[in-house]
Amino acid sequence: MDVTPLAEGFGAELRGVDLIDVAASDAAYRAVRALFEEHSLLVFRDQQVGDDVQAAFSRAFGPLERVKVGSVGTGTFYSRLNNLDAEGRVVPENHRQVWRARANQLWHTDSSFKATPALASVLSARTLPGAGGETEFTSTRRAWDRLPAARQERLRDAVVTHSYANSRDQIHPELMTPEERAALPPVRWRMSWRNPVNGRRALYVASHAYAIEGMGDNEAKALLAELIAEATAPGRTYLHRWRAGDVVMWDNRATMHRGRPWPLAEPRIMVRTTIQARDEDGLRELRPAA
């Protein structure tokens, strides 16, 4: 494999390996897994990717998460992110699919609002618009490293509440359905997630997070907004400009990401598989005391 760094301190493009190689070969998996732990964000170009290949690659890293109620692909392993209706037509700007795309343009980390959060996400480009639609990433591991030692000590085990409703309600009060609200109650996680392979910590915050135990609402929201702003300041992000055949994998323990707008008259079709975190991925330590 040829490994090309993408951003300062995180991200790498891998050449000379295909997704199916990782699914079929333990040696290839171990090599890619080591790079995933080191770089947090991996880009694979020129892939012949379909649902089956993407799922086989993703399963090498752990169990797959089923798509939650209310999303396109509910009950399957494939979250279908697009601006199309059931007949394949581009939807109008006031459609729920567009609201969802706008919610995904908030800085977030996948599945932090679930009882079992995500280790990683794998996103493939299926149909791309002529312009826009990039995905932007930042390293919350680097953000943690930049904090003064005294602040790290204070925030390391702080307990943060995450809720899907917190991010969706910022976009439209009817974006989240009653079924989603019932299925996705708030969850609590520590503010930092330690990688058990290399011992490095990362901030675990994003747009789903809204409360910190022991703090007033306004103080907590101000601190969360400050931490996100510092992590995503100019010069600290990587903007992925999609090409046909691209597949991107990222570590939800150590990154935040957001989609970028595109001309809504043009279709954009992406497919995401999400890999659940396990205790060996540091999940046990992330859980706060009851």
Protein backbone atom coordinates (compact mmCIF):
# COMPACT_ATOMS: atom_id res chain seq x y z
CA MET A 1 0.00 0.00 0.00
CA ASP A 2 0.96 3.58 -0.63
CA VAL A 3 -0.13 5.91 2.19
CA THR A 4 -0.52 9.63 1.44
CA PRO A 5 -1.32 12.03 4.33
CA LEU A 6 -4.32 14.30 3.76
CA ALA A 7 -4.33 16.86 6.56
CA GLU A 8 -2.14 18.01 9.40
CA GLY A 9 -2.11 15.21 11.95
CA PHE A 10 -4.93 13.08 10.57
CA GLY A 11 -6.31 11.46 7.43
CA ALA A 12 -4.64 9.34 4.76
CA GLU A 13 -5.38 8.17 1.23
CA LEU A 14 -4.59 4.49 0.68
CA ARG A 15 -3.55 3.24 -2.75
CA GLY A 16 -2.90 -0.32 -3.78
CA VAL A 17 -5.70 -1.89 -1.76
CA ASP A 18 -9.36 -2.52 -2.59
CA LEU A 19 -12.25 -2.92 -0.16
CA ILE A 20 -12.66 -6.56 -1.11
CA ASP A 21 -8.99 -7.21 -0.28
CA VAL A 22 -9.66 -6.10 3.30
CA ALA A 23 -12.79 -8.25 3.52
CA ALA A 24 -11.02 -11.34 2.18
CA SER A 25 -7.52 -11.13 3.67
CA ASP A 26 -6.65 -11.01 7.35
CA ALA A 27 -3.26 -9.51 6.53
CA ALA A 28 -4.86 -6.71 4.49
CA TYR A 29 -7.40 -6.09 7.26
CA ARG A 30 -4.72 -5.87 9.95
CA ALA A 31 -2.68 -3.41 7.85
CA VAL A 32 -5.70 -1.18 7.17
CA ARG A 33 -6.90 -1.45 10.76
CA ALA A 34 -3.54 -0.18 12.00
CA LEU A 35 -3.76 2.78 9.62
CA PHE A 36 -7.32 3.46 10.77
CA GLU A 37 -6.18 3.61 14.40
CA GLU A 38 -3.32 5.93 13.45
CA HIS A 39 -4.99 8.31 10.98
CA SER A 40 -8.71 8.22 11.99
CA LEU A 41 -9.78 8.95 8.38
CA LEU A 42 -9.05 6.76 5.36
CA VAL A 43 -9.80 7.49 1.69
CA PHE A 44 -10.01 4.77 -0.96
CA ARG A 45 -10.21 5.90 -4.61
CA ASP A 46 -11.42 4.13 -7.76
CA GLN A 47 -13.35 1.41 -5.97
CA GLN A 48 -15.84 -0.92 -7.67
CA VAL A 49 -18.29 -0.66 -4.81
CA GLY A 50 -21.80 -1.98 -4.36
CA ASP A 51 -23.80 -2.68 -1.23
CA ASP A 52 -22.43 -6.19 -0.81
CA VAL A 53 -18.78 -5.15 -1.14
CA GLN A 54 -19.25 -2.20 1.21
CA ALA A 55 -20.95 -4.38 3.83
CA ALA A 56 -18.26 -7.10 3.59
CA PHE A 57 -15.51 -4.51 4.06
CA SER A 58 -17.32 -2.87 6.98
CA ARG A 59 -18.01 -6.18 8.75
CA ALA A 60 -14.29 -6.86 8.93
CA PHE A 61 -14.12 -4.08 11.56
CA GLY A 62 -17.10 -5.13 13.67
CA PRO A 63 -20.86 -5.67 13.74
CA LEU A 64 -22.96 -3.44 11.52
CA GLU A 65 -25.56 -1.07 12.87
CA ARG A 66 -29.08 -1.29 11.47
CA VAL A 67 -30.54 1.93 10.08
CA LYS A 68 -32.78 3.59 12.63
CA VAL A 69 -36.50 4.12 12.32
CA GLY A 70 -37.51 7.07 10.13
CA SER A 71 -34.48 7.03 7.80
CA VAL A 72 -34.22 5.81 4.22
CA GLY A 73 -33.11 2.20 4.57
CA THR A 74 -34.75 1.58 7.96
CA GLY A 75 -34.02 -1.92 9.27
CA THR A 76 -31.24 -2.60 6.75
CA PHE A 77 -27.50 -2.03 7.09
CA TYR A 78 -27.52 0.69 4.39
CA SER A 79 -28.29 4.32 5.19
CA ARG A 80 -29.20 5.86 1.83
CA LEU A 81 -28.43 9.56 1.88
CA ASN A 82 -30.03 11.27 -1.08
CA ASN A 83 -32.43 13.97 -2.23
CA LEU A 84 -34.77 11.66 -4.15
CA ASP A 85 -38.33 10.49 -3.57
CA ALA A 86 -39.53 6.89 -3.79
CA GLU A 87 -39.84 7.20 -7.58
CA GLY A 88 -36.27 8.47 -7.94
CA ARG A 89 -37.18 12.09 -8.65
CA VAL A 90 -35.32 15.04 -7.11
CA VAL A 91 -37.41 16.34 -4.21
CA PRO A 92 -38.41 20.01 -3.69
CA GLU A 93 -36.56 22.21 -1.20
CA ASN A 94 -39.25 21.89 1.49
CA HIS A 95 -39.03 18.07 1.51
CA ARG A 96 -37.95 16.05 4.56
CA GLN A 97 -34.99 14.64 2.60
CA VAL A 98 -33.66 18.17 2.17
CA TRP A 99 -34.17 18.90 5.86
CA ARG A 100 -32.15 15.77 6.65
CA ALA A 101 -29.35 16.92 4.36
CA ARG A 102 -29.27 20.28 6.14
CA ALA A 103 -29.11 18.55 9.52
CA ASN A 104 -26.15 16.54 8.26
CA GLN A 105 -24.44 19.85 7.50
CA LEU A 106 -24.06 20.41 11.25
CA TRP A 107 -20.80 19.17 12.77
CA HIS A 108 -21.56 15.73 14.18
CA THR A 109 -20.25 12.27 14.92
CA ASP A 110 -22.42 9.37 13.86
CA SER A 111 -24.61 7.54 16.39
CA SER A 112 -23.43 9.35 19.51
CA PHE A 113 -27.18 9.58 20.28
CA LYS A 114 -27.61 5.79 20.35
CA ALA A 115 -27.36 3.33 23.22
CA THR A 116 -24.52 1.67 21.28
CA PRO A 117 -22.42 4.34 19.56
CA ALA A 118 -20.40 3.89 16.40
CA LEU A 119 -16.78 2.88 16.03
CA ALA A 120 -16.64 3.88 12.37
CA SER A 121 -18.64 4.88 9.31
CA VAL A 122 -18.01 3.93 5.69
CA LEU A 123 -19.46 6.22 3.02
CA SER A 124 -19.47 5.56 -0.72
CA ALA A 125 -20.32 7.92 -3.56
CA ARG A 126 -22.91 6.50 -5.96
CA THR A 127 -24.21 9.61 -7.81
CA LEU A 128 -22.55 13.01 -7.49
CA PRO A 129 -23.72 16.54 -8.35
CA GLY A 130 -21.70 18.69 -10.73
CA ALA A 131 -20.50 20.90 -7.86
CA GLY A 132 -20.63 20.99 -4.06
CA GLY A 133 -21.65 18.12 -1.81
CA GLU A 134 -18.21 17.74 -0.23
CA THR A 135 -17.73 16.21 3.21
CA GLU A 136 -15.60 18.06 5.75
CA PHE A 137 -13.76 16.39 8.63
CA THR A 138 -11.86 17.44 11.71
CA SER A 139 -9.81 15.51 14.24
CA THR A 140 -11.20 15.62 17.76
CA ARG A 141 -8.03 13.80 18.86
CA ARG A 142 -6.00 16.79 17.72
CA ALA A 143 -8.55 19.07 19.39
CA TRP A 144 -8.04 17.20 22.67
CA ASP A 145 -4.27 17.41 22.37
CA ARG A 146 -4.49 21.20 21.99
CA LEU A 147 -6.30 21.63 25.31
CA PRO A 148 -4.15 22.71 28.28
CA ALA A 149 -3.39 19.88 30.69
CA ALA A 150 -5.53 21.41 33.45
CA ARG A 151 -8.52 21.61 31.13
CA GLN A 152 -8.01 18.05 29.96
CA GLU A 153 -8.05 16.91 33.57
CA ARG A 154 -11.27 18.82 34.24
CA LEU A 155 -13.10 17.64 31.10
CA ARG A 156 -11.80 14.07 30.67
CA ASP A 157 -14.53 12.37 32.68
CA ALA A 158 -17.24 15.04 32.39
CA VAL A 159 -20.57 13.43 31.45
CA VAL A 160 -22.33 14.77 28.37
CA THR A 161 -25.90 14.10 27.26
CA HIS A 162 -26.48 13.45 23.54
CA SER A 163 -29.83 13.46 21.77
CA TYR A 164 -30.81 13.11 18.12
CA ALA A 165 -33.59 15.63 18.79
CA ASN A 166 -31.07 18.30 19.77
CA SER A 167 -29.55 18.46 16.30
CA ARG A 168 -32.73 17.84 14.29
CA ASP A 169 -34.76 20.47 16.13
CA GLN A 170 -32.17 23.06 15.08
CA ILE A 171 -33.25 22.51 11.47
CA HIS A 172 -37.03 22.03 11.63
CA PRO A 173 -39.41 21.16 14.50
CA GLU A 174 -41.06 18.45 12.39
CA LEU A 175 -37.87 16.86 11.06
CA MET A 176 -37.80 14.22 13.80
CA THR A 177 -40.89 12.03 13.74
CA PRO A 178 -42.75 10.94 16.91
CA GLU A 179 -41.53 7.38 16.23
CA GLU A 180 -37.92 8.58 16.18
CA ARG A 181 -38.38 10.54 19.41
CA ALA A 182 -39.79 7.47 21.13
CA ALA A 183 -37.04 5.19 19.81
CA LEU A 184 -34.11 7.50 20.55
CA PRO A 185 -34.15 8.86 24.12
CA PRO A 186 -31.13 10.88 25.31
CA VAL A 187 -27.95 9.00 26.24
CA ARG A 188 -24.93 9.90 28.41
CA TRP A 189 -21.24 9.53 27.53
CA ARG A 190 -17.96 10.78 28.93
CA MET A 191 -16.55 13.80 27.15
CA SER A 192 -13.40 12.03 26.02
CA TRP A 193 -12.97 8.64 24.33
CA ARG A 194 -9.65 6.86 24.82
CA ASN A 195 -8.33 4.70 22.00
CA PRO A 196 -7.24 1.45 23.69
CA VAL A 197 -4.74 0.64 20.92
CA ASN A 198 -2.59 3.75 21.29
CA GLY A 199 -3.92 5.34 24.49
CA ARG A 200 -4.76 8.64 22.77
CA ARG A 201 -7.87 10.53 23.81
CA ALA A 202 -10.31 12.52 21.70
CA LEU A 203 -13.14 14.89 22.49
CA TYR A 204 -16.51 13.21 22.13
CA VAL A 205 -18.85 16.11 21.41
CA ALA A 206 -20.82 17.40 18.42
CA SER A 207 -24.23 18.78 17.45
CA HIS A 208 -26.11 15.94 19.20
CA ALA A 209 -24.56 16.97 22.56
CA TYR A 210 -26.38 19.57 24.62
CA ALA A 211 -25.90 19.12 28.39
CA ILE A 212 -23.03 18.49 30.80
CA GLU A 213 -23.68 17.09 34.26
CA GLY A 214 -22.97 19.61 36.99
CA MET A 215 -23.34 22.63 34.68
CA GLY A 216 -26.23 24.94 33.99
CA ASP A 217 -27.81 24.71 30.54
CA ASN A 218 -26.35 27.96 29.24
CA GLU A 219 -22.87 27.23 30.59
CA ALA A 220 -22.88 23.74 29.10
CA LYS A 221 -24.08 24.87 25.68
CA ALA A 222 -21.50 27.66 25.63
CA LEU A 223 -18.69 25.24 26.48
CA LEU A 224 -19.79 22.70 23.87
CA ALA A 225 -20.03 25.43 21.22
CA GLU A 226 -16.55 26.67 22.16
CA LEU A 227 -15.01 23.20 21.93
CA ILE A 228 -16.62 22.53 18.54
CA ALA A 229 -15.57 25.94 17.21
CA GLU A 230 -11.96 25.40 18.30
CA ALA A 231 -11.88 21.90 16.78
CA THR A 232 -13.22 23.13 13.44
CA ALA A 233 -11.35 26.43 13.13
CA PRO A 234 -9.84 27.33 9.72
CA GLY A 235 -6.79 25.24 8.94
CA ARG A 236 -7.87 22.37 11.18
CA THR A 237 -10.18 20.52 8.79
CA TYR A 238 -9.97 18.33 5.69
CA LEU A 239 -12.48 18.89 2.88
CA HIS A 240 -13.09 15.76 0.83
CA ARG A 241 -14.08 16.53 -2.76
CA TRP A 242 -15.83 13.42 -3.96
CA ARG A 243 -15.03 11.58 -7.17
CA ALA A 244 -16.82 8.61 -8.67
CA GLY A 245 -15.56 5.43 -7.00
CA ASP A 246 -14.58 7.12 -3.74
CA VAL A 247 -15.08 5.39 -0.40
CA VAL A 248 -14.24 7.16 2.86
CA MET A 249 -13.98 5.55 6.29
CA TRP A 250 -13.72 7.53 9.51
CA ASP A 251 -13.34 6.88 13.22
CA ASN A 252 -16.35 8.28 15.07
CA ARG A 253 -14.36 8.11 18.31
CA ALA A 254 -11.87 10.67 17.04
CA THR A 255 -13.48 12.85 14.35
CA MET A 256 -16.40 15.11 13.59
CA HIS A 257 -17.73 15.68 10.09
CA ARG A 258 -20.38 17.56 8.17
CA GLY A 259 -21.82 17.53 4.67
CA ARG A 260 -21.57 20.60 2.49
CA PRO A 261 -24.38 22.06 0.34
CA TRP A 262 -24.87 21.34 -3.36
CA PRO A 263 -27.36 22.56 -6.00
CA LEU A 264 -30.54 20.84 -4.86
CA ALA A 265 -31.85 20.48 -8.40
CA GLU A 266 -29.12 17.86 -8.92
CA PRO A 267 -29.23 14.35 -7.44
CA ARG A 268 -26.66 13.25 -4.87
CA ILE A 269 -26.74 9.61 -3.75
CA MET A 270 -24.46 8.29 -1.02
CA VAL A 271 -24.59 5.02 0.94
CA ARG A 272 -23.30 4.70 4.48
CA THR A 273 -22.63 1.61 6.55
CA THR A 274 -21.94 2.09 10.24
CA ILE A 275 -19.86 -0.18 12.47
CA GLN A 276 -20.91 -0.49 16.09
CA ALA A 277 -18.39 0.09 18.87
CA ARG A 278 -17.54 -2.75 21.23
CA ASP A 279 -15.91 -2.82 24.64
CA GLU A 280 -12.56 -3.58 23.00
CA ASP A 281 -12.90 -0.29 21.08
CA GLY A 282 -12.96 1.64 24.36
CA LEU A 283 -16.74 1.61 24.84
CA ARG A 284 -16.59 0.26 28.39
CA GLU A 285 -14.53 3.24 29.55
CA LEU A 286 -16.76 5.70 27.66
CA ARG A 287 -19.81 4.71 29.69
CA PRO A 288 -20.20 6.88 32.80
CA ALA A 289 -20.98 5.39 36.18
CA ALA A 290 -24.68 4.79 36.69
